Amino acid sequence: MRTGDTVWVHPNSEDRCAMAAHVDLLSANGKSIALRLHEKPSWFRIADGAFLHKDDGRIEMLLLRDSVGAPWVDTVSGLEYEISEAKP
């Protein structure tokens, strides 16, 4: 996964709710990521985490993890998310 890729993101154990997202930025160490969601998912709650809603309607999601391979965690809510690469 790299900056510019399209990925699937969803809360842990809710893979049927996966939403396509664009990787706006992935840190060099692979421990932080900024995702731009293509549309508002059913599990989206602006007050429940580090989501930024921009004036142009884009939704940005900011997540961190302790190590590569560890779950992605929202720093505000502590909720865990899974991110997987979308196949072309």
Protein backbone atom coordinates (compact mmCIF):
# COMPACT_ATOMS: atom_id res chain seq x y z
CA MET A 1 0.00 0.00 0.00
CA ARG A 2 1.29 3.45 -0.96
CA THR A 3 0.19 7.07 -1.09
CA GLY A 4 -2.17 7.39 -4.06
CA ASP A 5 -3.53 3.83 -3.86
CA THR A 6 -7.20 2.91 -3.50
CA VAL A 7 -7.98 0.73 -0.49
CA TRP A 8 -10.94 -0.78 1.35
CA VAL A 9 -11.51 0.38 4.95
CA HIS A 10 -14.00 -0.83 7.54
CA PRO A 11 -14.37 -1.22 11.30
CA ASN A 12 -12.90 -4.52 12.54
CA SER A 13 -15.27 -7.48 12.10
CA GLU A 14 -17.54 -5.53 9.74
CA ASP A 15 -16.04 -6.37 6.34
CA ARG A 16 -19.46 -6.24 4.68
CA CYS A 17 -19.40 -2.49 5.43
CA ALA A 18 -16.12 -1.87 3.59
CA MET A 19 -15.81 1.51 1.89
CA ALA A 20 -13.42 2.50 -0.91
CA ALA A 21 -10.90 5.16 0.10
CA HIS A 22 -7.93 6.96 -1.42
CA VAL A 23 -4.63 6.93 0.50
CA ASP A 24 -3.84 10.65 0.75
CA LEU A 25 -0.74 10.05 2.85
CA LEU A 26 1.03 7.02 4.29
CA SER A 27 3.95 7.71 6.62
CA ALA A 28 7.39 6.42 5.67
CA ASN A 29 7.35 4.01 8.64
CA GLY A 30 3.86 2.70 7.72
CA LYS A 31 2.37 3.60 11.11
CA SER A 32 0.07 6.51 10.20
CA ILE A 33 -2.34 7.00 7.34
CA ALA A 34 -4.75 9.63 6.03
CA LEU A 35 -7.61 8.28 3.92
CA ARG A 36 -10.06 10.20 1.75
CA LEU A 37 -13.38 8.36 1.70
CA HIS A 38 -15.19 8.30 -1.64
CA GLU A 39 -18.59 8.59 0.02
CA LYS A 40 -20.05 8.67 3.53
CA PRO A 41 -20.17 5.11 4.93
CA SER A 42 -22.98 3.86 7.18
CA TRP A 43 -20.51 3.52 10.07
CA PHE A 44 -19.28 7.13 9.73
CA ARG A 45 -19.81 9.20 12.88
CA ILE A 46 -18.00 12.55 12.87
CA ALA A 47 -18.10 12.80 16.69
CA ASP A 48 -16.71 9.28 17.21
CA GLY A 49 -13.21 9.80 15.90
CA ALA A 50 -10.62 11.77 13.99
CA PHE A 51 -12.68 12.45 10.90
CA LEU A 52 -12.31 15.72 9.05
CA HIS A 53 -15.15 16.91 6.85
CA LYS A 54 -13.83 19.39 4.32
CA ASP A 55 -15.78 22.19 2.65
CA ASP A 56 -15.68 20.36 -0.69
CA GLY A 57 -17.55 17.40 0.85
CA ARG A 58 -14.52 15.14 1.23
CA ILE A 59 -14.16 13.10 4.40
CA GLU A 60 -10.65 12.45 5.71
CA MET A 61 -9.95 9.67 8.18
CA LEU A 62 -6.74 9.69 10.26
CA LEU A 63 -5.47 6.40 11.75
CA LEU A 64 -2.35 5.14 13.54
CA ARG A 65 -0.91 1.74 14.46
CA ASP A 66 1.86 0.56 16.79
CA SER A 67 3.65 -1.54 14.18
CA VAL A 68 3.26 -2.75 10.61
CA GLY A 69 0.70 -5.55 10.68
CA ALA A 70 -1.03 -4.24 13.82
CA PRO A 71 -4.63 -2.99 13.64
CA TRP A 72 -5.26 0.60 12.55
CA VAL A 73 -6.65 2.64 15.45
CA ASP A 74 -8.58 5.89 15.51
CA THR A 75 -6.65 8.07 17.95
CA VAL A 76 -9.77 9.75 19.37
CA SER A 77 -12.20 6.86 19.82
CA GLY A 78 -9.79 3.91 20.07
CA LEU A 79 -11.89 2.03 17.51
CA GLU A 80 -9.95 -0.41 15.33
CA TYR A 81 -10.19 -0.53 11.55
CA GLU A 82 -8.97 -2.86 8.86
CA ILE A 83 -7.47 -1.51 5.65
CA SER A 84 -6.82 -3.73 2.64
CA GLU A 85 -5.54 -2.99 -0.82
CA ALA A 86 -8.14 -2.80 -3.57
CA LYS A 87 -7.42 -5.00 -6.56
CA PRO A 88 -7.15 -3.09 -9.86
